[in-house]
């Protein structure tokens, strides 16, 4: 099968890896341009991770398209546009290590008051006992999303003596369903969001959700910005009642004039939780596994089964 892979520098590792995958003929393309006629027979499309929506227009240029393989953990940028008869798969599993590291670093940054300590350092002030640091030991975290990223966060928190409760789209085993969220919130010091953006999660973290979190609690969003109501979050953090660490925002990118930038107790990174050396190779390794299953006539393990319902 012919597979289209971006010709950008970030994707060179993918071209090399997929050329070693049996049953694939790799064709490179420019995600910012229309396809040359020689590429119109391709059956698999892999959008680049960075600004992955750029090749959406190519869906209409590929009459033989059978599969779209994403490099992201979520599929929201493509799920409403990919026809239901085309397999859509994510790179779920590849981002667990990098994103869970970001979540832990963000929590520790806030708990150990690093933003304040850096400001004191810039002022050459020995700020002994001027900040109220805290420990993760004994804390309880509520993780929205019980996939590979959420599970990795729970494992890393356990190493610091913290316990976790996980929530998924439905209850199973020791994982709670969404109907339990509001009852769980008052008993947890940290809420970490790793869930995908769906009709059910869009705007989930609203005024009532945040109000149910205890005073001094921390919200960490490594999922999607639109899961959180930005105005409600700003009100709670501006008052000092809650803190937040955000790798994603709504809107995104966050405008230069947005008040969240200067809100006390808020730290922001520009959607880069997964951006460390080696992540692209991890994504393409997962992609190769998904494509191999598809070529063999199997349903890829990361197939997005709900994308038809978004149409």
C-alpha atoms as a PDB file:
ATOM      1  CA  UNK A   1       0.000   0.000   0.000  1.00  0.00           C
ATOM      2  CA  UNK A   2       1.154   3.526  -0.725  1.00  0.00           C
ATOM      3  CA  UNK A   3       1.393   5.708   2.386  1.00  0.00           C
ATOM      4  CA  UNK A   4       1.799   9.484   2.348  1.00  0.00           C
ATOM      5  CA  UNK A   5       4.257  10.867   4.916  1.00  0.00           C
ATOM      6  CA  UNK A   6       5.081  14.551   5.418  1.00  0.00           C
ATOM      7  CA  UNK A   7       8.398  15.721   3.945  1.00  0.00           C
ATOM      8  CA  UNK A   8       9.116  18.024   6.895  1.00  0.00           C
ATOM      9  CA  UNK A   9      12.195  17.596   9.072  1.00  0.00           C
ATOM     10  CA  UNK A  10      10.193  16.300  12.051  1.00  0.00           C
ATOM     11  CA  UNK A  11       8.949  13.416   9.918  1.00  0.00           C
ATOM     12  CA  UNK A  12      12.258  12.167   8.516  1.00  0.00           C
ATOM     13  CA  UNK A  13      12.437   9.533  11.244  1.00  0.00           C
ATOM     14  CA  UNK A  14       9.009   8.318  10.157  1.00  0.00           C
ATOM     15  CA  UNK A  15       9.987   8.017   6.515  1.00  0.00           C
ATOM     16  CA  UNK A  16      12.984   5.899   7.488  1.00  0.00           C
ATOM     17  CA  UNK A  17      11.010   3.684   9.860  1.00  0.00           C
ATOM     18  CA  UNK A  18       8.034   3.112   7.551  1.00  0.00           C
ATOM     19  CA  UNK A  19      10.294   2.196   4.634  1.00  0.00           C
ATOM     20  CA  UNK A  20      11.313  -0.793   6.741  1.00  0.00           C
ATOM     21  CA  UNK A  21       7.689  -1.847   7.249  1.00  0.00           C
ATOM     22  CA  UNK A  22       6.547  -4.703   5.032  1.00  0.00           C
ATOM     23  CA  UNK A  23       3.778  -3.938   2.585  1.00  0.00           C
ATOM     24  CA  UNK A  24       4.292  -0.172   2.485  1.00  0.00           C
ATOM     25  CA  UNK A  25       5.522   2.116  -0.268  1.00  0.00           C
ATOM     26  CA  UNK A  26       6.370   5.493   1.264  1.00  0.00           C
ATOM     27  CA  UNK A  27       5.589   8.661  -0.689  1.00  0.00           C
ATOM     28  CA  UNK A  28       6.532  12.020   0.822  1.00  0.00           C
ATOM     29  CA  UNK A  29       4.351  15.102   0.436  1.00  0.00           C
ATOM     30  CA  UNK A  30       4.254  18.769   1.428  1.00  0.00           C
ATOM     31  CA  UNK A  31       1.375  19.207   3.927  1.00  0.00           C
ATOM     32  CA  UNK A  32       1.001  22.838   2.863  1.00  0.00           C
ATOM     33  CA  UNK A  33       0.469  22.081  -0.841  1.00  0.00           C
ATOM     34  CA  UNK A  34      -1.839  20.107  -3.103  1.00  0.00           C
ATOM     35  CA  UNK A  35      -0.677  16.613  -4.009  1.00  0.00           C
ATOM     36  CA  UNK A  36       1.106  15.888  -7.284  1.00  0.00           C
ATOM     37  CA  UNK A  37      -0.867  13.625  -9.615  1.00  0.00           C
ATOM     38  CA  UNK A  38       1.586  10.785  -8.965  1.00  0.00           C
ATOM     39  CA  UNK A  39       0.415  10.610  -5.329  1.00  0.00           C
ATOM     40  CA  UNK A  40      -3.358  10.516  -5.872  1.00  0.00           C
ATOM     41  CA  UNK A  41      -3.560   6.706  -5.664  1.00  0.00           C
ATOM     42  CA  UNK A  42      -2.218   6.553  -2.100  1.00  0.00           C
ATOM     43  CA  UNK A  43      -4.363   4.511   0.292  1.00  0.00           C
ATOM     44  CA  UNK A  44      -2.974   5.733   3.630  1.00  0.00           C
ATOM     45  CA  UNK A  45      -2.399   9.308   4.805  1.00  0.00           C
ATOM     46  CA  UNK A  46      -0.267  10.284   7.804  1.00  0.00           C
ATOM     47  CA  UNK A  47      -0.675  13.970   8.715  1.00  0.00           C
ATOM     48  CA  UNK A  48       2.286  15.607  10.485  1.00  0.00           C
ATOM     49  CA  UNK A  49       1.994  16.058  14.244  1.00  0.00           C
ATOM     50  CA  UNK A  50       2.661  19.798  14.123  1.00  0.00           C
ATOM     51  CA  UNK A  51      -0.486  21.612  12.945  1.00  0.00           C
ATOM     52  CA  UNK A  52      -1.868  18.274  11.827  1.00  0.00           C
ATOM     53  CA  UNK A  53      -4.976  19.856  10.322  1.00  0.00           C
ATOM     54  CA  UNK A  54      -2.983  21.313   7.399  1.00  0.00           C
ATOM     55  CA  UNK A  55      -3.500  18.316   5.046  1.00  0.00           C
ATOM     56  CA  UNK A  56      -7.271  18.081   5.695  1.00  0.00           C
ATOM     57  CA  UNK A  57      -7.817  19.381   2.168  1.00  0.00           C
ATOM     58  CA  UNK A  58      -6.094  16.273   0.806  1.00  0.00           C
ATOM     59  CA  UNK A  59      -9.046  14.072   1.774  1.00  0.00           C
ATOM     60  CA  UNK A  60     -10.760  15.192  -1.417  1.00  0.00           C
ATOM     61  CA  UNK A  61      -7.690  14.416  -3.538  1.00  0.00           C
ATOM     62  CA  UNK A  62      -7.342  10.759  -2.530  1.00  0.00           C
ATOM     63  CA  UNK A  63     -10.098   8.648  -4.140  1.00  0.00           C
ATOM     64  CA  UNK A  64      -8.516   5.378  -2.942  1.00  0.00           C
ATOM     65  CA  UNK A  65      -7.963   6.496   0.654  1.00  0.00           C
ATOM     66  CA  UNK A  66      -8.609   3.714   3.163  1.00  0.00           C
ATOM     67  CA  UNK A  67      -6.885   4.914   6.346  1.00  0.00           C
ATOM     68  CA  UNK A  68      -5.753   8.078   8.107  1.00  0.00           C
ATOM     69  CA  UNK A  69      -3.078   7.453  10.735  1.00  0.00           C
ATOM     70  CA  UNK A  70      -2.541  10.312  13.189  1.00  0.00           C
ATOM     71  CA  UNK A  71       0.581  10.967  15.244  1.00  0.00           C
ATOM     72  CA  UNK A  72      -1.404  12.509  18.099  1.00  0.00           C
ATOM     73  CA  UNK A  73      -3.026  10.789  21.059  1.00  0.00           C
ATOM     74  CA  UNK A  74      -6.340  12.495  20.275  1.00  0.00           C
ATOM     75  CA  UNK A  75      -8.287  12.569  17.031  1.00  0.00           C
ATOM     76  CA  UNK A  76     -10.484  15.644  17.456  1.00  0.00           C
ATOM     77  CA  UNK A  77      -8.835  17.660  14.655  1.00  0.00           C
ATOM     78  CA  UNK A  78      -9.783  14.965  12.120  1.00  0.00           C
ATOM     79  CA  UNK A  79     -12.718  13.002  13.522  1.00  0.00           C
ATOM     80  CA  UNK A  80     -15.439  15.216  12.056  1.00  0.00           C
ATOM     81  CA  UNK A  81     -13.927  15.221   8.552  1.00  0.00           C
ATOM     82  CA  UNK A  82     -12.899  11.613   7.948  1.00  0.00           C
ATOM     83  CA  UNK A  83     -15.742   9.621   6.324  1.00  0.00           C
ATOM     84  CA  UNK A  84     -17.009   6.682   8.352  1.00  0.00           C
ATOM     85  CA  UNK A  85     -15.841   4.153   5.756  1.00  0.00           C
ATOM     86  CA  UNK A  86     -12.212   5.253   6.210  1.00  0.00           C
ATOM     87  CA  UNK A  87     -10.261   3.921   9.194  1.00  0.00           C
ATOM     88  CA  UNK A  88      -9.007   6.671  11.498  1.00  0.00           C
ATOM     89  CA  UNK A  89      -6.337   5.698  14.034  1.00  0.00           C
ATOM     90  CA  UNK A  90      -4.391   7.611  16.676  1.00  0.00           C
ATOM     91  CA  UNK A  91      -0.903   7.183  18.110  1.00  0.00           C
ATOM     92  CA  UNK A  92      -2.273   6.426  21.559  1.00  0.00           C
ATOM     93  CA  UNK A  93       0.478   5.077  23.795  1.00  0.00           C
ATOM     94  CA  UNK A  94       3.370   6.984  22.254  1.00  0.00           C
ATOM     95  CA  UNK A  95       2.889  10.099  24.371  1.00  0.00           C
ATOM     96  CA  UNK A  96       2.531   8.526  27.809  1.00  0.00           C
ATOM     97  CA  UNK A  97       6.129   9.026  28.952  1.00  0.00           C
ATOM     98  CA  UNK A  98       6.709  12.625  27.789  1.00  0.00           C
ATOM     99  CA  UNK A  99       3.267  13.937  28.764  1.00  0.00           C
ATOM    100  CA  UNK A 100       3.238  12.288  32.193  1.00  0.00           C
ATOM    101  CA  UNK A 101       6.679  13.796  32.859  1.00  0.00           C
ATOM    102  CA  UNK A 102       5.304  17.226  31.997  1.00  0.00           C
ATOM    103  CA  UNK A 103       2.337  16.734  34.331  1.00  0.00           C
ATOM    104  CA  UNK A 104       4.584  15.726  37.230  1.00  0.00           C
ATOM    105  CA  UNK A 105       7.000  18.584  36.570  1.00  0.00           C
ATOM    106  CA  UNK A 106       4.118  21.077  36.464  1.00  0.00           C
ATOM    107  CA  UNK A 107       2.636  19.825  39.731  1.00  0.00           C
ATOM    108  CA  UNK A 108       6.011  19.892  41.471  1.00  0.00           C
ATOM    109  CA  UNK A 109       6.723  23.347  40.064  1.00  0.00           C
ATOM    110  CA  UNK A 110       3.573  24.698  41.716  1.00  0.00           C
ATOM    111  CA  UNK A 111       3.889  22.688  44.915  1.00  0.00           C
ATOM    112  CA  UNK A 112       7.498  23.754  45.441  1.00  0.00           C
ATOM    113  CA  UNK A 113       6.760  27.370  44.431  1.00  0.00           C
ATOM    114  CA  UNK A 114       9.358  27.552  41.674  1.00  0.00           C
ATOM    115  CA  UNK A 115       7.789  30.563  39.897  1.00  0.00           C
ATOM    116  CA  UNK A 116       8.144  32.625  43.079  1.00  0.00           C
ATOM    117  CA  UNK A 117      11.646  31.306  43.738  1.00  0.00           C
ATOM    118  CA  UNK A 118      12.766  32.254  40.223  1.00  0.00           C
ATOM    119  CA  UNK A 119      11.422  35.774  40.712  1.00  0.00           C
ATOM    120  CA  UNK A 120      13.333  36.066  43.974  1.00  0.00           C
ATOM    121  CA  UNK A 121      16.482  34.825  42.252  1.00  0.00           C
ATOM    122  CA  UNK A 122      16.102  37.446  39.528  1.00  0.00           C
ATOM    123  CA  UNK A 123      15.946  40.041  42.303  1.00  0.00           C
ATOM    124  CA  UNK A 124      18.989  38.490  44.066  1.00  0.00           C
ATOM    125  CA  UNK A 125      16.877  37.815  47.161  1.00  0.00           C
ATOM    126  CA  UNK A 126      17.654  34.916  49.523  1.00  0.00           C
ATOM    127  CA  UNK A 127      13.993  34.001  50.055  1.00  0.00           C
ATOM    128  CA  UNK A 128      14.347  31.570  52.945  1.00  0.00           C
ATOM    129  CA  UNK A 129      10.901  30.922  54.479  1.00  0.00           C
ATOM    130  CA  UNK A 130       9.249  33.459  52.160  1.00  0.00           C
ATOM    131  CA  UNK A 131       7.321  30.842  50.193  1.00  0.00           C
ATOM    132  CA  UNK A 132       4.865  28.184  51.344  1.00  0.00           C
ATOM    133  CA  UNK A 133       6.065  25.004  49.657  1.00  0.00           C
ATOM    134  CA  UNK A 134       4.097  21.775  49.849  1.00  0.00           C
ATOM    135  CA  UNK A 135       4.711  18.056  49.334  1.00  0.00           C
ATOM    136  CA  UNK A 136       3.043  15.519  47.067  1.00  0.00           C
ATOM    137  CA  UNK A 137       3.251  12.883  49.773  1.00  0.00           C
ATOM    138  CA  UNK A 138      -0.233  12.067  51.011  1.00  0.00           C
ATOM    139  CA  UNK A 139      -2.002  14.031  48.280  1.00  0.00           C
ATOM    140  CA  UNK A 140      -4.858  12.634  46.188  1.00  0.00           C
ATOM    141  CA  UNK A 141      -5.128  13.200  42.446  1.00  0.00           C
ATOM    142  CA  UNK A 142      -8.180  12.795  40.235  1.00  0.00           C
ATOM    143  CA  UNK A 143      -7.108  11.883  36.699  1.00  0.00           C
ATOM    144  CA  UNK A 144      -9.634  12.487  33.926  1.00  0.00           C
ATOM    145  CA  UNK A 145      -8.606   9.923  31.340  1.00  0.00           C
ATOM    146  CA  UNK A 146      -7.632   6.331  32.103  1.00  0.00           C
ATOM    147  CA  UNK A 147      -5.616   5.613  28.983  1.00  0.00           C
ATOM    148  CA  UNK A 148      -1.856   5.208  28.702  1.00  0.00           C
ATOM    149  CA  UNK A 149      -1.125   8.827  29.689  1.00  0.00           C
ATOM    150  CA  UNK A 150      -3.445   8.798  32.696  1.00  0.00           C
ATOM    151  CA  UNK A 151      -2.048   5.470  33.863  1.00  0.00           C
ATOM    152  CA  UNK A 152       1.533   6.741  33.534  1.00  0.00           C
ATOM    153  CA  UNK A 153       0.661   9.811  35.608  1.00  0.00           C
ATOM    154  CA  UNK A 154      -0.798   7.599  38.340  1.00  0.00           C
ATOM    155  CA  UNK A 155       2.367   5.483  38.406  1.00  0.00           C
ATOM    156  CA  UNK A 156       4.624   8.521  38.677  1.00  0.00           C
ATOM    157  CA  UNK A 157       2.497  10.119  41.391  1.00  0.00           C
ATOM    158  CA  UNK A 158       2.684   6.909  43.417  1.00  0.00           C
ATOM    159  CA  UNK A 159       6.474   7.227  43.511  1.00  0.00           C
ATOM    160  CA  UNK A 160       5.985  10.508  45.404  1.00  0.00           C
ATOM    161  CA  UNK A 161       3.561   8.998  47.903  1.00  0.00           C
ATOM    162  CA  UNK A 162       0.420  10.354  46.244  1.00  0.00           C
ATOM    163  CA  UNK A 163      -2.657   8.284  45.397  1.00  0.00           C
ATOM    164  CA  UNK A 164      -4.824   8.561  42.303  1.00  0.00           C
ATOM    165  CA  UNK A 165      -8.410   8.009  41.226  1.00  0.00           C
ATOM    166  CA  UNK A 166      -8.984   7.596  37.487  1.00  0.00           C
ATOM    167  CA  UNK A 167     -12.073   8.497  35.482  1.00  0.00           C
ATOM    168  CA  UNK A 168     -12.936   7.209  32.005  1.00  0.00           C
ATOM    169  CA  UNK A 169     -15.912   7.472  29.665  1.00  0.00           C
ATOM    170  CA  UNK A 170     -17.426   4.486  31.463  1.00  0.00           C
ATOM    171  CA  UNK A 171     -16.817   2.776  34.805  1.00  0.00           C
ATOM    172  CA  UNK A 172     -14.752  -0.417  34.826  1.00  0.00           C
ATOM    173  CA  UNK A 173     -12.864  -2.178  37.605  1.00  0.00           C
ATOM    174  CA  UNK A 174     -11.164   0.470  39.730  1.00  0.00           C
ATOM    175  CA  UNK A 175     -11.869   3.196  37.157  1.00  0.00           C
ATOM    176  CA  UNK A 176     -14.783   5.552  37.786  1.00  0.00           C
ATOM    177  CA  UNK A 177     -17.314   6.702  35.204  1.00  0.00           C
ATOM    178  CA  UNK A 178     -18.164  10.357  34.480  1.00  0.00           C
ATOM    179  CA  UNK A 179     -21.232  10.207  36.705  1.00  0.00           C
ATOM    180  CA  UNK A 180     -18.918  10.037  39.754  1.00  0.00           C
ATOM    181  CA  UNK A 181     -16.769  13.079  38.986  1.00  0.00           C
ATOM    182  CA  UNK A 182     -18.584  15.735  41.008  1.00  0.00           C
ATOM    183  CA  UNK A 183     -18.755  13.479  44.068  1.00  0.00           C
ATOM    184  CA  UNK A 184     -15.008  12.798  43.827  1.00  0.00           C
ATOM    185  CA  UNK A 185     -13.812  16.374  43.353  1.00  0.00           C
ATOM    186  CA  UNK A 186     -14.022  17.664  46.967  1.00  0.00           C
ATOM    187  CA  UNK A 187     -11.730  14.879  48.187  1.00  0.00           C
ATOM    188  CA  UNK A 188      -8.874  15.458  45.716  1.00  0.00           C
ATOM    189  CA  UNK A 189      -6.048  17.994  45.859  1.00  0.00           C
ATOM    190  CA  UNK A 190      -5.125  17.692  42.172  1.00  0.00           C
ATOM    191  CA  UNK A 191      -7.169  17.253  39.003  1.00  0.00           C
ATOM    192  CA  UNK A 192      -5.167  16.177  35.942  1.00  0.00           C
ATOM    193  CA  UNK A 193      -6.857  16.241  32.535  1.00  0.00           C
ATOM    194  CA  UNK A 194      -5.642  13.829  29.860  1.00  0.00           C
ATOM    195  CA  UNK A 195      -9.015  13.014  28.295  1.00  0.00           C
ATOM    196  CA  UNK A 196      -9.655  13.525  24.575  1.00  0.00           C
ATOM    197  CA  UNK A 197     -11.956  16.263  23.327  1.00  0.00           C
ATOM    198  CA  UNK A 198     -15.370  14.762  22.605  1.00  0.00           C
ATOM    199  CA  UNK A 199     -18.955  15.966  22.760  1.00  0.00           C
ATOM    200  CA  UNK A 200     -19.040  14.673  26.343  1.00  0.00           C
ATOM    201  CA  UNK A 201     -15.814  16.325  27.528  1.00  0.00           C
ATOM    202  CA  UNK A 202     -16.173  19.683  25.771  1.00  0.00           C
ATOM    203  CA  UNK A 203     -16.728  22.286  28.506  1.00  0.00           C
ATOM    204  CA  UNK A 204     -16.736  19.586  31.203  1.00  0.00           C
ATOM    205  CA  UNK A 205     -14.597  21.678  33.552  1.00  0.00           C
ATOM    206  CA  UNK A 206     -17.028  24.515  34.069  1.00  0.00           C
ATOM    207  CA  UNK A 207     -17.941  26.825  36.933  1.00  0.00           C
ATOM    208  CA  UNK A 208     -19.682  24.112  38.954  1.00  0.00           C
ATOM    209  CA  UNK A 209     -16.828  21.647  38.404  1.00  0.00           C
ATOM    210  CA  UNK A 210     -14.221  24.128  39.613  1.00  0.00           C
ATOM    211  CA  UNK A 211     -16.388  25.213  42.540  1.00  0.00           C
ATOM    212  CA  UNK A 212     -16.460  21.593  43.735  1.00  0.00           C
ATOM    213  CA  UNK A 213     -12.658  21.464  43.955  1.00  0.00           C
ATOM    214  CA  UNK A 214     -11.312  22.174  47.465  1.00  0.00           C
ATOM    215  CA  UNK A 215      -9.557  25.431  48.339  1.00  0.00           C
ATOM    216  CA  UNK A 216      -5.919  25.391  47.253  1.00  0.00           C
ATOM    217  CA  UNK A 217      -6.425  22.579  44.734  1.00  0.00           C
ATOM    218  CA  UNK A 218      -4.491  22.404  41.469  1.00  0.00           C
ATOM    219  CA  UNK A 219      -5.889  21.853  37.973  1.00  0.00           C
ATOM    220  CA  UNK A 220      -3.485  20.450  35.375  1.00  0.00           C
ATOM    221  CA  UNK A 221      -4.589  20.350  31.735  1.00  0.00           C
ATOM    222  CA  UNK A 222      -2.550  18.235  29.341  1.00  0.00           C
ATOM    223  CA  UNK A 223      -5.604  17.181  27.326  1.00  0.00           C
ATOM    224  CA  UNK A 224      -7.424  19.767  25.228  1.00  0.00           C
ATOM    225  CA  UNK A 225      -8.064  23.426  25.976  1.00  0.00           C
ATOM    226  CA  UNK A 226     -11.766  23.276  25.131  1.00  0.00           C
ATOM    227  CA  UNK A 227     -12.400  20.808  27.949  1.00  0.00           C
ATOM    228  CA  UNK A 228     -11.998  23.733  30.364  1.00  0.00           C
ATOM    229  CA  UNK A 229     -14.143  26.864  30.504  1.00  0.00           C
ATOM    230  CA  UNK A 230     -11.426  29.515  30.428  1.00  0.00           C
ATOM    231  CA  UNK A 231     -13.492  32.298  31.993  1.00  0.00           C
ATOM    232  CA  UNK A 232     -14.479  30.084  34.916  1.00  0.00           C
ATOM    233  CA  UNK A 233     -10.873  28.999  35.434  1.00  0.00           C
ATOM    234  CA  UNK A 234      -9.642  32.579  35.314  1.00  0.00           C
ATOM    235  CA  UNK A 235     -12.140  33.599  38.004  1.00  0.00           C
ATOM    236  CA  UNK A 236     -11.052  30.797  40.344  1.00  0.00           C
ATOM    237  CA  UNK A 237      -7.313  31.331  39.844  1.00  0.00           C
ATOM    238  CA  UNK A 238      -7.447  35.121  39.877  1.00  0.00           C
ATOM    239  CA  UNK A 239      -9.079  34.939  43.301  1.00  0.00           C
ATOM    240  CA  UNK A 240      -6.241  32.712  44.510  1.00  0.00           C
ATOM    241  CA  UNK A 241      -8.565  29.869  45.477  1.00  0.00           C
ATOM    242  CA  UNK A 242      -7.217  27.456  42.846  1.00  0.00           C
ATOM    243  CA  UNK A 243      -3.952  27.012  40.945  1.00  0.00           C
ATOM    244  CA  UNK A 244      -3.477  25.722  37.428  1.00  0.00           C
ATOM    245  CA  UNK A 245      -0.835  24.356  35.072  1.00  0.00           C
ATOM    246  CA  UNK A 246      -1.862  24.505  31.424  1.00  0.00           C
ATOM    247  CA  UNK A 247      -0.212  22.990  28.376  1.00  0.00           C
ATOM    248  CA  UNK A 248      -3.354  23.620  26.340  1.00  0.00           C
ATOM    249  CA  UNK A 249      -5.724  26.580  26.385  1.00  0.00           C
ATOM    250  CA  UNK A 250      -8.917  27.905  24.858  1.00  0.00           C
ATOM    251  CA  UNK A 251      -8.290  29.884  22.738  1.00  0.00           C
ATOM    252  CA  UNK A 252      -5.039  28.404  21.461  1.00  0.00           C
ATOM    253  CA  UNK A 253      -2.553  29.912  20.923  1.00  0.00           C
ATOM    254  CA  UNK A 254      -3.364  32.105  23.906  1.00  0.00           C
ATOM    255  CA  UNK A 255      -3.463  35.763  22.750  1.00  0.00           C
ATOM    256  CA  UNK A 256      -0.722  38.022  24.068  1.00  0.00           C
ATOM    257  CA  UNK A 257      -3.277  40.207  25.856  1.00  0.00           C
ATOM    258  CA  UNK A 258      -5.108  37.343  27.580  1.00  0.00           C
ATOM    259  CA  UNK A 259      -5.326  37.781  31.387  1.00  0.00           C
ATOM    260  CA  UNK A 260      -4.356  34.148  32.049  1.00  0.00           C
ATOM    261  CA  UNK A 261      -0.742  35.037  31.220  1.00  0.00           C
ATOM    262  CA  UNK A 262      -0.415  37.144  34.358  1.00  0.00           C
ATOM    263  CA  UNK A 263      -2.866  35.304  36.580  1.00  0.00           C
ATOM    264  CA  UNK A 264      -1.340  34.388  39.969  1.00  0.00           C
ATOM    265  CA  UNK A 265      -0.877  30.678  40.538  1.00  0.00           C
ATOM    266  CA  UNK A 266      -1.055  29.825  36.826  1.00  0.00           C
ATOM    267  CA  UNK A 267       1.810  28.421  34.762  1.00  0.00           C
ATOM    268  CA  UNK A 268       1.468  27.965  31.006  1.00  0.00           C
ATOM    269  CA  UNK A 269       3.452  26.056  28.404  1.00  0.00           C
ATOM    270  CA  UNK A 270       2.711  26.328  24.647  1.00  0.00           C
ATOM    271  CA  UNK A 271       1.262  22.863  23.925  1.00  0.00           C
ATOM    272  CA  UNK A 272       4.641  21.179  24.234  1.00  0.00           C
ATOM    273  CA  UNK A 273       4.119  18.488  26.874  1.00  0.00           C
ATOM    274  CA  UNK A 274       5.068  15.780  24.371  1.00  0.00           C
ATOM    275  CA  UNK A 275       7.877  17.746  22.738  1.00  0.00           C
ATOM    276  CA  UNK A 276      11.117  16.064  23.789  1.00  0.00           C
ATOM    277  CA  UNK A 277      13.740  14.191  21.750  1.00  0.00           C
ATOM    278  CA  UNK A 278      12.529  10.789  20.649  1.00  0.00           C
ATOM    279  CA  UNK A 279       8.776  11.408  20.767  1.00  0.00           C
ATOM    280  CA  UNK A 280       8.380  11.495  16.994  1.00  0.00           C
ATOM    281  CA  UNK A 281      10.092   8.115  16.734  1.00  0.00           C
ATOM    282  CA  UNK A 282       7.730   6.737  19.376  1.00  0.00           C
ATOM    283  CA  UNK A 283       4.757   8.077  17.400  1.00  0.00           C
ATOM    284  CA  UNK A 284       5.926   6.538  14.146  1.00  0.00           C
ATOM    285  CA  UNK A 285       6.690   3.242  15.880  1.00  0.00           C
ATOM    286  CA  UNK A 286       3.078   3.095  17.036  1.00  0.00           C
ATOM    287  CA  UNK A 287       1.941   4.191  13.562  1.00  0.00           C
ATOM    288  CA  UNK A 288       3.925   1.376  11.945  1.00  0.00           C
ATOM    289  CA  UNK A 289       2.236  -1.146  14.245  1.00  0.00           C
ATOM    290  CA  UNK A 290      -1.201   0.231  13.365  1.00  0.00           C
ATOM    291  CA  UNK A 291      -0.472   0.176   9.634  1.00  0.00           C
ATOM    292  CA  UNK A 292       0.891  -3.371   9.793  1.00  0.00           C
ATOM    293  CA  UNK A 293      -2.325  -4.533  11.434  1.00  0.00           C
ATOM    294  CA  UNK A 294      -4.403  -2.724   8.814  1.00  0.00           C
ATOM    295  CA  UNK A 295      -2.438  -4.244   5.923  1.00  0.00           C
ATOM    296  CA  UNK A 296      -2.978  -7.687   7.479  1.00  0.00           C
ATOM    297  CA  UNK A 297      -6.734  -7.127   7.386  1.00  0.00           C
ATOM    298  CA  UNK A 298      -7.069  -6.480  11.112  1.00  0.00           C
ATOM    299  CA  UNK A 299      -8.696  -3.555  12.897  1.00  0.00           C
ATOM    300  CA  UNK A 300      -5.870  -1.371  14.285  1.00  0.00           C
ATOM    301  CA  UNK A 301      -5.862  -1.301  18.090  1.00  0.00           C
ATOM    302  CA  UNK A 302      -5.933   2.514  18.044  1.00  0.00           C
ATOM    303  CA  UNK A 303      -8.815   2.804  15.575  1.00  0.00           C
ATOM    304  CA  UNK A 304     -11.159   5.642  16.515  1.00  0.00           C
ATOM    305  CA  UNK A 305     -14.577   4.023  16.523  1.00  0.00           C
ATOM    306  CA  UNK A 306     -16.579   7.175  17.213  1.00  0.00           C
ATOM    307  CA  UNK A 307     -15.510   9.430  14.353  1.00  0.00           C
ATOM    308  CA  UNK A 308     -18.534   8.572  12.222  1.00  0.00           C
ATOM    309  CA  UNK A 309     -20.853   9.870  14.939  1.00  0.00           C
ATOM    310  CA  UNK A 310     -19.344  13.347  14.669  1.00  0.00           C
ATOM    311  CA  UNK A 311     -20.530  13.804  11.106  1.00  0.00           C
END
